[in-house]
Amino acid sequence: MTATLTGYFSYGYGVAQQIDSWPDAGYALLDELSTARGLVGLISAGTTADSDDLVERLVNDLGVTKVSLGRALAASSQAPTTDEIERACSDATVITDIDMLFWPTLHVSVLPFLTKHGGEHATIAVWPGEISSGRAVYSAPGRQDHYDVALHNTIVLRPRQTRFPDELPFVTERILP
């Protein structure tokens, strides 16, 4: 599906801006993530509650599947292998609780892992750190799990409050090459 034009805001001198409606814009986002190889979506929220709310909107309104990676792999008595992590993500569109991917003992390069998953189907992950100025950061400098990388081929979703059910529950920032 693709998003349809639902209205315009008019400004001085006849300038207008397209206003997309939910869930059509959500389906358009999924189409974009599915068809563009190497493109991944990252949710960057100010609070856990904000990211949880957006994840629930994606799951409930768009019917996508979700996996909590930490929860899916918590029962293992040993550190999971890359294959086990990939199987845990399987067909999930939304991946939450990805903190474990930053463990130094796993030797997982987080964004390439998510990009690989995104090459197979639409992928939106909840980023547990900060995203700003085109960079994704996790943890503090000097720590073993510190991660700081420039983003490419990424759509950042920033949750926003809505008053009506057809309003977009996020603002997008496209970081392309």
N, C-alpha and C. Protein backbone atom coordinates (compact mmCIF):
# COMPACT_ATOMS: atom_id res chain seq x y z
N MET A 1 0.84 -1.18 0.00
CA MET A 1 0.00 0.00 0.00
C MET A 1 0.88 1.24 0.00
N THR A 2 0.34 2.31 -0.44
CA THR A 2 1.06 3.57 -0.40
C THR A 2 0.21 4.60 0.32
N ALA A 3 0.89 5.59 0.85
CA ALA A 3 0.17 6.65 1.56
C ALA A 3 -0.58 7.50 0.55
N THR A 4 -1.73 7.96 0.94
CA THR A 4 -2.50 8.83 0.07
C THR A 4 -2.52 10.23 0.65
N LEU A 5 -2.68 11.17 -0.23
CA LEU A 5 -2.76 12.56 0.19
C LEU A 5 -4.11 12.79 0.85
N THR A 6 -4.08 13.26 2.09
CA THR A 6 -5.33 13.44 2.80
C THR A 6 -5.68 14.89 3.06
N GLY A 7 -4.76 15.78 2.82
CA GLY A 7 -5.08 17.17 3.04
C GLY A 7 -3.86 18.05 2.93
N TYR A 8 -4.06 19.33 2.98
CA TYR A 8 -2.97 20.28 2.90
C TYR A 8 -3.13 21.28 4.03
N PHE A 9 -2.00 21.78 4.50
CA PHE A 9 -2.01 22.95 5.37
C PHE A 9 -1.63 24.11 4.47
N SER A 10 -2.35 25.19 4.55
CA SER A 10 -2.02 26.35 3.73
C SER A 10 -1.25 27.36 4.57
N TYR A 11 -0.28 27.94 3.95
CA TYR A 11 0.53 28.97 4.58
C TYR A 11 0.45 30.20 3.70
N GLY A 12 1.08 31.26 4.13
CA GLY A 12 1.07 32.49 3.34
C GLY A 12 1.59 32.27 1.93
N TYR A 13 1.07 32.98 0.98
CA TYR A 13 1.48 32.97 -0.42
C TYR A 13 1.27 31.62 -1.10
N GLY A 14 0.30 30.86 -0.64
CA GLY A 14 -0.08 29.63 -1.34
C GLY A 14 0.84 28.44 -1.16
N VAL A 15 1.75 28.48 -0.23
CA VAL A 15 2.64 27.34 0.01
C VAL A 15 1.85 26.29 0.78
N ALA A 16 2.01 25.04 0.42
CA ALA A 16 1.26 23.97 1.08
C ALA A 16 2.19 22.82 1.45
N GLN A 17 1.78 22.05 2.42
CA GLN A 17 2.54 20.90 2.88
C GLN A 17 1.62 19.68 2.88
N GLN A 18 2.12 18.55 2.39
CA GLN A 18 1.32 17.33 2.38
C GLN A 18 1.18 16.80 3.80
N ILE A 19 -0.01 16.35 4.12
CA ILE A 19 -0.29 15.75 5.42
C ILE A 19 -0.70 14.30 5.18
N ASP A 20 0.10 13.35 5.67
CA ASP A 20 -0.22 11.94 5.53
C ASP A 20 -1.09 11.50 6.70
N SER A 21 -1.89 10.48 6.45
CA SER A 21 -2.74 9.98 7.53
C SER A 21 -2.28 8.60 7.95
N TRP A 22 -2.59 8.27 9.16
CA TRP A 22 -2.29 6.98 9.75
C TRP A 22 -3.50 6.09 9.55
N PRO A 23 -3.43 4.87 9.19
CA PRO A 23 -2.22 4.05 9.08
C PRO A 23 -1.63 3.99 7.67
N ASP A 24 -2.20 4.73 6.70
CA ASP A 24 -1.68 4.67 5.33
C ASP A 24 -0.19 5.00 5.27
N ALA A 25 0.23 6.02 6.01
CA ALA A 25 1.65 6.39 6.01
C ALA A 25 2.50 5.29 6.64
N GLY A 26 1.94 4.56 7.58
CA GLY A 26 2.65 3.43 8.18
C GLY A 26 2.87 2.32 7.18
N TYR A 27 1.84 2.03 6.38
CA TYR A 27 1.98 1.01 5.33
C TYR A 27 3.00 1.46 4.28
N ALA A 28 3.01 2.75 3.96
CA ALA A 28 3.98 3.27 2.99
C ALA A 28 5.40 3.12 3.54
N LEU A 29 5.57 3.36 4.83
CA LEU A 29 6.88 3.18 5.45
C LEU A 29 7.32 1.72 5.35
N LEU A 30 6.42 0.80 5.66
CA LEU A 30 6.75 -0.63 5.56
C LEU A 30 7.11 -1.02 4.13
N ASP A 31 6.38 -0.47 3.15
CA ASP A 31 6.71 -0.74 1.75
C ASP A 31 8.11 -0.24 1.42
N GLU A 32 8.43 0.96 1.88
CA GLU A 32 9.75 1.54 1.62
C GLU A 32 10.84 0.69 2.25
N LEU A 33 10.63 0.27 3.49
CA LEU A 33 11.63 -0.56 4.18
C LEU A 33 11.77 -1.93 3.53
N SER A 34 10.69 -2.45 2.97
CA SER A 34 10.71 -3.77 2.34
C SER A 34 11.40 -3.77 0.99
N THR A 35 11.24 -2.69 0.25
CA THR A 35 11.74 -2.68 -1.13
C THR A 35 13.13 -2.09 -1.27
N ALA A 36 13.54 -1.24 -0.37
CA ALA A 36 14.86 -0.62 -0.45
C ALA A 36 15.87 -1.48 0.30
N ARG A 37 16.72 -2.16 -0.41
CA ARG A 37 17.71 -3.04 0.21
C ARG A 37 18.66 -2.24 1.11
N GLY A 38 18.89 -2.75 2.29
CA GLY A 38 19.83 -2.13 3.21
C GLY A 38 19.27 -0.97 4.00
N LEU A 39 17.99 -0.69 3.86
CA LEU A 39 17.36 0.40 4.60
C LEU A 39 16.75 -0.15 5.87
N VAL A 40 17.01 0.50 6.99
CA VAL A 40 16.50 0.04 8.27
C VAL A 40 15.84 1.21 9.00
N GLY A 41 14.82 0.93 9.79
CA GLY A 41 14.16 1.93 10.61
C GLY A 41 14.63 1.81 12.05
N LEU A 42 14.89 2.94 12.69
CA LEU A 42 15.28 2.96 14.10
C LEU A 42 14.35 3.90 14.85
N ILE A 43 13.79 3.42 15.94
CA ILE A 43 12.96 4.26 16.81
C ILE A 43 13.88 4.91 17.83
N SER A 44 13.84 6.23 17.89
CA SER A 44 14.61 6.98 18.86
C SER A 44 13.63 7.79 19.70
N ALA A 45 13.49 7.39 20.95
CA ALA A 45 12.49 8.03 21.82
C ALA A 45 13.16 8.62 23.06
N GLY A 46 12.53 9.64 23.60
CA GLY A 46 13.04 10.25 24.81
C GLY A 46 12.84 9.38 26.04
N THR A 47 11.79 8.58 26.03
CA THR A 47 11.50 7.71 27.17
C THR A 47 11.11 6.31 26.68
N THR A 48 11.25 5.35 27.56
CA THR A 48 10.83 3.98 27.25
C THR A 48 9.34 3.94 26.97
N ALA A 49 8.57 4.70 27.72
CA ALA A 49 7.11 4.73 27.52
C ALA A 49 6.77 5.21 26.11
N ASP A 50 7.48 6.22 25.62
CA ASP A 50 7.23 6.72 24.26
C ASP A 50 7.53 5.67 23.21
N SER A 51 8.66 4.97 23.36
CA SER A 51 8.99 3.93 22.38
C SER A 51 8.01 2.77 22.48
N ASP A 52 7.62 2.40 23.70
CA ASP A 52 6.64 1.31 23.88
C ASP A 52 5.30 1.66 23.23
N ASP A 53 4.87 2.91 23.39
CA ASP A 53 3.60 3.34 22.78
C ASP A 53 3.67 3.26 21.26
N LEU A 54 4.79 3.70 20.69
CA LEU A 54 4.93 3.65 19.23
C LEU A 54 4.98 2.20 18.74
N VAL A 55 5.70 1.35 19.45
CA VAL A 55 5.77 -0.06 19.06
C VAL A 55 4.37 -0.67 19.08
N GLU A 56 3.59 -0.38 20.10
CA GLU A 56 2.23 -0.92 20.18
C GLU A 56 1.36 -0.42 19.03
N ARG A 57 1.53 0.86 18.65
CA ARG A 57 0.77 1.37 17.50
C ARG A 57 1.16 0.64 16.23
N LEU A 58 2.45 0.40 16.03
CA LEU A 58 2.91 -0.32 14.84
C LEU A 58 2.34 -1.73 14.82
N VAL A 59 2.41 -2.42 15.95
CA VAL A 59 1.93 -3.80 16.03
C VAL A 59 0.41 -3.87 15.86
N ASN A 60 -0.31 -3.05 16.61
CA ASN A 60 -1.77 -3.12 16.60
C ASN A 60 -2.40 -2.55 15.33
N ASP A 61 -1.89 -1.41 14.86
CA ASP A 61 -2.52 -0.75 13.72
C ASP A 61 -2.07 -1.31 12.37
N LEU A 62 -0.81 -1.77 12.28
CA LEU A 62 -0.28 -2.26 11.01
C LEU A 62 -0.21 -3.78 10.94
N GLY A 63 -0.40 -4.43 12.08
CA GLY A 63 -0.38 -5.89 12.11
C GLY A 63 0.99 -6.51 11.92
N VAL A 64 2.04 -5.78 12.26
CA VAL A 64 3.39 -6.33 12.12
C VAL A 64 3.75 -7.17 13.34
N THR A 65 4.76 -8.01 13.19
CA THR A 65 5.20 -8.85 14.30
C THR A 65 6.35 -8.17 15.03
N LYS A 66 6.48 -8.54 16.29
CA LYS A 66 7.49 -7.92 17.16
C LYS A 66 8.21 -9.02 17.92
N VAL A 67 9.49 -8.80 18.20
CA VAL A 67 10.24 -9.68 19.08
C VAL A 67 11.02 -8.83 20.07
N SER A 68 10.97 -9.24 21.34
CA SER A 68 11.83 -8.66 22.37
C SER A 68 13.06 -9.55 22.40
N LEU A 69 14.15 -9.08 21.82
CA LEU A 69 15.33 -9.92 21.63
C LEU A 69 15.90 -10.43 22.95
N GLY A 70 16.02 -9.56 23.93
CA GLY A 70 16.53 -9.98 25.24
C GLY A 70 15.67 -11.06 25.87
N ARG A 71 14.37 -10.88 25.81
CA ARG A 71 13.45 -11.86 26.38
C ARG A 71 13.52 -13.18 25.60
N ALA A 72 13.61 -13.10 24.29
CA ALA A 72 13.64 -14.32 23.46
C ALA A 72 14.88 -15.16 23.72
N LEU A 73 15.97 -14.52 24.11
CA LEU A 73 17.23 -15.25 24.30
C LEU A 73 17.63 -15.40 25.76
N ALA A 74 16.80 -14.94 26.68
CA ALA A 74 17.15 -14.95 28.10
C ALA A 74 17.28 -16.35 28.69
N ALA A 75 16.59 -17.32 28.16
CA ALA A 75 16.61 -18.67 28.72
C ALA A 75 17.90 -19.42 28.44
N SER A 76 18.69 -18.94 27.51
CA SER A 76 19.93 -19.61 27.15
C SER A 76 20.95 -19.51 28.28
N SER A 77 21.62 -20.61 28.58
CA SER A 77 22.62 -20.61 29.66
C SER A 77 23.96 -20.07 29.18
N GLN A 78 24.15 -19.97 27.87
CA GLN A 78 25.39 -19.43 27.31
C GLN A 78 25.06 -18.25 26.40
N ALA A 79 26.08 -17.48 26.10
CA ALA A 79 25.88 -16.36 25.19
C ALA A 79 25.40 -16.89 23.84
N PRO A 80 24.39 -16.26 23.28
CA PRO A 80 23.84 -16.75 22.01
C PRO A 80 24.80 -16.53 20.85
N THR A 81 24.72 -17.40 19.87
CA THR A 81 25.50 -17.24 18.64
C THR A 81 24.76 -16.30 17.71
N THR A 82 25.45 -15.85 16.68
CA THR A 82 24.81 -14.98 15.69
C THR A 82 23.63 -15.69 15.04
N ASP A 83 23.78 -16.98 14.77
CA ASP A 83 22.67 -17.75 14.17
C ASP A 83 21.46 -17.79 15.10
N GLU A 84 21.69 -17.95 16.40
CA GLU A 84 20.58 -17.98 17.37
C GLU A 84 19.90 -16.61 17.43
N ILE A 85 20.69 -15.56 17.35
CA ILE A 85 20.12 -14.21 17.37
C ILE A 85 19.28 -13.99 16.11
N GLU A 86 19.80 -14.42 14.96
CA GLU A 86 19.05 -14.28 13.71
C GLU A 86 17.75 -15.08 13.76
N ARG A 87 17.80 -16.29 14.32
CA ARG A 87 16.57 -17.09 14.42
C ARG A 87 15.56 -16.44 15.36
N ALA A 88 16.05 -15.82 16.43
CA ALA A 88 15.14 -15.16 17.37
C ALA A 88 14.42 -13.99 16.69
N CYS A 89 15.11 -13.31 15.79
CA CYS A 89 14.49 -12.19 15.06
C CYS A 89 13.58 -12.70 13.95
N SER A 90 13.91 -13.81 13.36
CA SER A 90 13.20 -14.47 12.26
C SER A 90 12.39 -13.50 11.40
N ASP A 91 11.08 -13.59 11.47
CA ASP A 91 10.22 -12.77 10.61
C ASP A 91 9.72 -11.49 11.28
N ALA A 92 10.28 -11.13 12.41
CA ALA A 92 9.81 -9.95 13.13
C ALA A 92 10.13 -8.68 12.34
N THR A 93 9.16 -7.79 12.29
CA THR A 93 9.37 -6.48 11.69
C THR A 93 9.93 -5.52 12.73
N VAL A 94 9.40 -5.57 13.95
CA VAL A 94 9.84 -4.69 15.02
C VAL A 94 10.68 -5.49 16.01
N ILE A 95 11.88 -4.99 16.28
CA ILE A 95 12.79 -5.66 17.22
C ILE A 95 13.03 -4.71 18.38
N THR A 96 12.69 -5.17 19.59
CA THR A 96 12.89 -4.36 20.79
C THR A 96 13.93 -5.05 21.68
N ASP A 97 14.34 -4.36 22.73
CA ASP A 97 15.24 -4.93 23.73
C ASP A 97 16.51 -5.47 23.08
N ILE A 98 17.20 -4.61 22.31
CA ILE A 98 18.39 -5.05 21.58
C ILE A 98 19.69 -4.79 22.34
N ASP A 99 19.60 -4.38 23.59
CA ASP A 99 20.80 -4.06 24.37
C ASP A 99 21.84 -5.17 24.34
N MET A 100 21.39 -6.41 24.36
CA MET A 100 22.33 -7.53 24.41
C MET A 100 23.24 -7.57 23.19
N LEU A 101 22.81 -7.00 22.07
CA LEU A 101 23.65 -7.00 20.88
C LEU A 101 24.94 -6.21 21.09
N PHE A 102 24.96 -5.35 22.08
CA PHE A 102 26.13 -4.53 22.35
C PHE A 102 27.14 -5.21 23.27
N TRP A 103 26.80 -6.37 23.80
CA TRP A 103 27.72 -7.08 24.67
C TRP A 103 29.00 -7.39 23.90
N PRO A 104 30.15 -7.01 24.42
CA PRO A 104 31.41 -7.26 23.71
C PRO A 104 31.67 -8.75 23.44
N THR A 105 31.20 -9.63 24.31
CA THR A 105 31.46 -11.07 24.13
C THR A 105 30.71 -11.65 22.93
N LEU A 106 29.68 -10.97 22.45
CA LEU A 106 28.91 -11.48 21.31
C LEU A 106 29.57 -11.16 19.97
N HIS A 107 30.39 -10.13 19.94
CA HIS A 107 31.07 -9.73 18.70
C HIS A 107 30.08 -9.48 17.57
N VAL A 108 28.99 -8.78 17.89
CA VAL A 108 27.98 -8.44 16.88
C VAL A 108 28.15 -6.96 16.53
N SER A 109 28.24 -6.68 15.27
CA SER A 109 28.22 -5.30 14.81
C SER A 109 26.75 -4.94 14.59
N VAL A 110 26.22 -4.14 15.49
CA VAL A 110 24.77 -3.97 15.61
C VAL A 110 24.09 -3.46 14.34
N LEU A 111 24.53 -2.33 13.81
CA LEU A 111 23.84 -1.79 12.64
C LEU A 111 23.97 -2.69 11.41
N PRO A 112 25.13 -3.26 11.13
CA PRO A 112 25.17 -4.23 10.01
C PRO A 112 24.26 -5.43 10.24
N PHE A 113 24.13 -5.88 11.48
CA PHE A 113 23.21 -6.98 11.78
C PHE A 113 21.77 -6.58 11.44
N LEU A 114 21.36 -5.39 11.89
CA LEU A 114 20.00 -4.92 11.62
C LEU A 114 19.79 -4.67 10.13
N THR A 115 20.82 -4.16 9.46
CA THR A 115 20.73 -3.92 8.02
C THR A 115 20.57 -5.24 7.26
N LYS A 116 21.30 -6.26 7.69
CA LYS A 116 21.16 -7.58 7.05
C LYS A 116 19.74 -8.10 7.23
N HIS A 117 19.21 -7.96 8.44
CA HIS A 117 17.82 -8.38 8.69
C HIS A 117 16.88 -7.57 7.81
N GLY A 118 17.17 -6.27 7.66
CA GLY A 118 16.35 -5.41 6.82
C GLY A 118 16.42 -5.75 5.35
N GLY A 119 17.49 -6.40 4.92
CA GLY A 119 17.60 -6.83 3.54
C GLY A 119 16.65 -7.97 3.21
N GLU A 120 16.19 -8.66 4.25
CA GLU A 120 15.28 -9.79 4.06
C GLU A 120 13.82 -9.37 4.17
N HIS A 121 13.53 -8.41 5.05
CA HIS A 121 12.18 -7.86 5.18
C HIS A 121 12.23 -6.58 6.00
N ALA A 122 11.15 -5.84 6.00
CA ALA A 122 11.10 -4.56 6.72
C ALA A 122 11.55 -4.74 8.16
N THR A 123 12.44 -3.84 8.61
CA THR A 123 12.96 -3.93 9.97
C THR A 123 12.92 -2.56 10.63
N ILE A 124 12.33 -2.54 11.82
CA ILE A 124 12.31 -1.34 12.66
C ILE A 124 12.77 -1.77 14.04
N ALA A 125 13.88 -1.22 14.50
CA ALA A 125 14.42 -1.59 15.81
C ALA A 125 14.32 -0.39 16.76
N VAL A 126 14.10 -0.68 18.02
CA VAL A 126 14.10 0.37 19.04
C VAL A 126 15.55 0.58 19.47
N TRP A 127 16.08 1.77 19.17
CA TRP A 127 17.47 2.07 19.51
C TRP A 127 17.53 2.44 20.99
N PRO A 128 18.35 1.73 21.78
CA PRO A 128 18.38 1.97 23.23
C PRO A 128 19.25 3.15 23.65
N GLY A 129 19.93 3.77 22.73
CA GLY A 129 20.78 4.92 23.06
C GLY A 129 20.23 6.19 22.46
N GLU A 130 21.13 7.06 22.06
CA GLU A 130 20.77 8.36 21.49
C GLU A 130 21.04 8.36 19.99
N ILE A 131 20.18 9.05 19.25
CA ILE A 131 20.42 9.29 17.84
C ILE A 131 20.32 10.79 17.63
N SER A 132 21.42 11.39 17.19
CA SER A 132 21.42 12.82 16.90
C SER A 132 22.56 13.15 15.95
N SER A 133 22.37 14.19 15.19
CA SER A 133 23.38 14.65 14.23
C SER A 133 23.87 13.53 13.32
N GLY A 134 22.96 12.64 12.93
CA GLY A 134 23.31 11.57 12.01
C GLY A 134 24.14 10.45 12.61
N ARG A 135 24.20 10.38 13.95
CA ARG A 135 24.99 9.35 14.62
C ARG A 135 24.12 8.58 15.61
N ALA A 136 24.41 7.29 15.72
CA ALA A 136 23.75 6.43 16.70
C ALA A 136 24.77 6.11 17.78
N VAL A 137 24.42 6.41 19.02
CA VAL A 137 25.34 6.21 20.15
C VAL A 137 24.67 5.32 21.18
N TYR A 138 25.47 4.43 21.75
CA TYR A 138 25.00 3.58 22.85
C TYR A 138 26.08 3.56 23.91
N SER A 139 25.71 3.72 25.15
CA SER A 139 26.60 3.67 26.31
C SER A 139 27.54 4.87 26.33
N ALA A 140 28.43 4.87 27.30
CA ALA A 140 29.33 6.00 27.51
C ALA A 140 30.73 5.69 26.97
N PRO A 141 31.41 6.71 26.48
CA PRO A 141 32.79 6.49 26.02
C PRO A 141 33.63 5.87 27.13
N GLY A 142 34.49 4.94 26.74
CA GLY A 142 35.35 4.26 27.70
C GLY A 142 34.80 2.94 28.19
N ARG A 143 33.51 2.73 28.05
CA ARG A 143 32.92 1.45 28.45
C ARG A 143 33.10 0.43 27.33
N GLN A 144 33.13 -0.84 27.70
CA GLN A 144 33.33 -1.89 26.70
C GLN A 144 32.18 -1.98 25.70
N ASP A 145 30.98 -1.61 26.13
CA ASP A 145 29.82 -1.71 25.24
C ASP A 145 29.52 -0.41 24.49
N HIS A 146 30.45 0.55 24.56
CA HIS A 146 30.24 1.83 23.87
C HIS A 146 30.18 1.62 22.37
N TYR A 147 29.22 2.29 21.74
CA TYR A 147 29.00 2.17 20.30
C TYR A 147 28.66 3.55 19.78
N ASP A 148 29.37 4.00 18.77
CA ASP A 148 29.14 5.32 18.18
C ASP A 148 29.43 5.20 16.69
N VAL A 149 28.40 5.35 15.87
CA VAL A 149 28.57 5.14 14.44
C VAL A 149 27.73 6.15 13.65
N ALA A 150 28.26 6.55 12.51
CA ALA A 150 27.50 7.40 11.59
C ALA A 150 26.43 6.56 10.92
N LEU A 151 25.24 7.11 10.82
CA LEU A 151 24.13 6.39 10.20
C LEU A 151 24.09 6.64 8.69
N HIS A 152 23.70 5.61 7.95
CA HIS A 152 23.46 5.67 6.52
C HIS A 152 22.27 4.77 6.24
N ASN A 153 21.49 5.08 5.23
CA ASN A 153 20.35 4.24 4.85
C ASN A 153 19.46 3.91 6.05
N THR A 154 19.11 4.94 6.78
CA THR A 154 18.33 4.77 8.00
C THR A 154 17.15 5.73 8.00
N ILE A 155 16.02 5.24 8.45
CA ILE A 155 14.88 6.11 8.71
C ILE A 155 14.68 6.12 10.21
N VAL A 156 14.89 7.27 10.81
CA VAL A 156 14.72 7.42 12.26
C VAL A 156 13.27 7.83 12.52
N LEU A 157 12.62 7.09 13.40
CA LEU A 157 11.24 7.38 13.80
C LEU A 157 11.27 7.96 15.20
N ARG A 158 10.79 9.16 15.34
CA ARG A 158 10.72 9.81 16.65
C ARG A 158 9.25 9.90 17.06
N PRO A 159 8.89 9.20 18.14
CA PRO A 159 7.48 9.19 18.56
C PRO A 159 6.98 10.61 18.86
N ARG A 160 5.71 10.80 18.57
CA ARG A 160 5.08 12.08 18.93
C ARG A 160 3.67 11.80 19.42
N GLN A 161 3.19 12.68 20.25
CA GLN A 161 1.84 12.55 20.79
C GLN A 161 0.83 12.87 19.70
N THR A 162 -0.27 12.15 19.72
CA THR A 162 -1.35 12.41 18.77
C THR A 162 -2.64 12.67 19.53
N ARG A 163 -3.52 13.42 18.90
CA ARG A 163 -4.83 13.67 19.49
C ARG A 163 -5.91 12.85 18.81
N PHE A 164 -5.66 12.50 17.54
CA PHE A 164 -6.65 11.78 16.76
C PHE A 164 -6.04 10.50 16.20
N PRO A 165 -6.84 9.46 16.01
CA PRO A 165 -6.29 8.17 15.58
C PRO A 165 -5.69 8.17 14.18
N ASP A 166 -6.00 9.17 13.34
CA ASP A 166 -5.43 9.17 12.00
C ASP A 166 -4.18 10.03 11.88
N GLU A 167 -3.70 10.57 13.00
CA GLU A 167 -2.46 11.34 13.00
C GLU A 167 -1.26 10.40 13.07
N LEU A 168 -0.18 10.77 12.39
CA LEU A 168 1.04 9.97 12.45
C LEU A 168 1.59 9.96 13.87
N PRO A 169 1.90 8.77 14.40
CA PRO A 169 2.44 8.70 15.76
C PRO A 169 3.95 8.90 15.82
N PHE A 170 4.54 9.34 14.73
CA PHE A 170 5.98 9.56 14.70
C PHE A 170 6.33 10.62 13.67
N VAL A 171 7.52 11.17 13.82
CA VAL A 171 8.12 12.08 12.85
C VAL A 171 9.31 11.33 12.27
N THR A 172 9.50 11.42 10.96
CA THR A 172 10.61 10.68 10.34
C THR A 172 11.77 11.60 10.01
N GLU A 173 12.95 11.01 10.09
CA GLU A 173 14.18 11.66 9.66
C GLU A 173 14.90 10.65 8.78
N ARG A 174 15.06 10.97 7.53
CA ARG A 174 15.74 10.06 6.60
C ARG A 174 17.22 10.41 6.53
N ILE A 175 18.05 9.43 6.82
CA ILE A 175 19.50 9.61 6.74
C ILE A 175 19.98 8.68 5.63
N LEU A 176 20.16 9.24 4.46
CA LEU A 176 20.53 8.45 3.29
C LEU A 176 21.97 8.79 2.90
N PRO A 177 22.57 7.94 2.06
CA PRO A 177 23.99 8.19 1.71
C PRO A 177 24.19 9.52 1.02
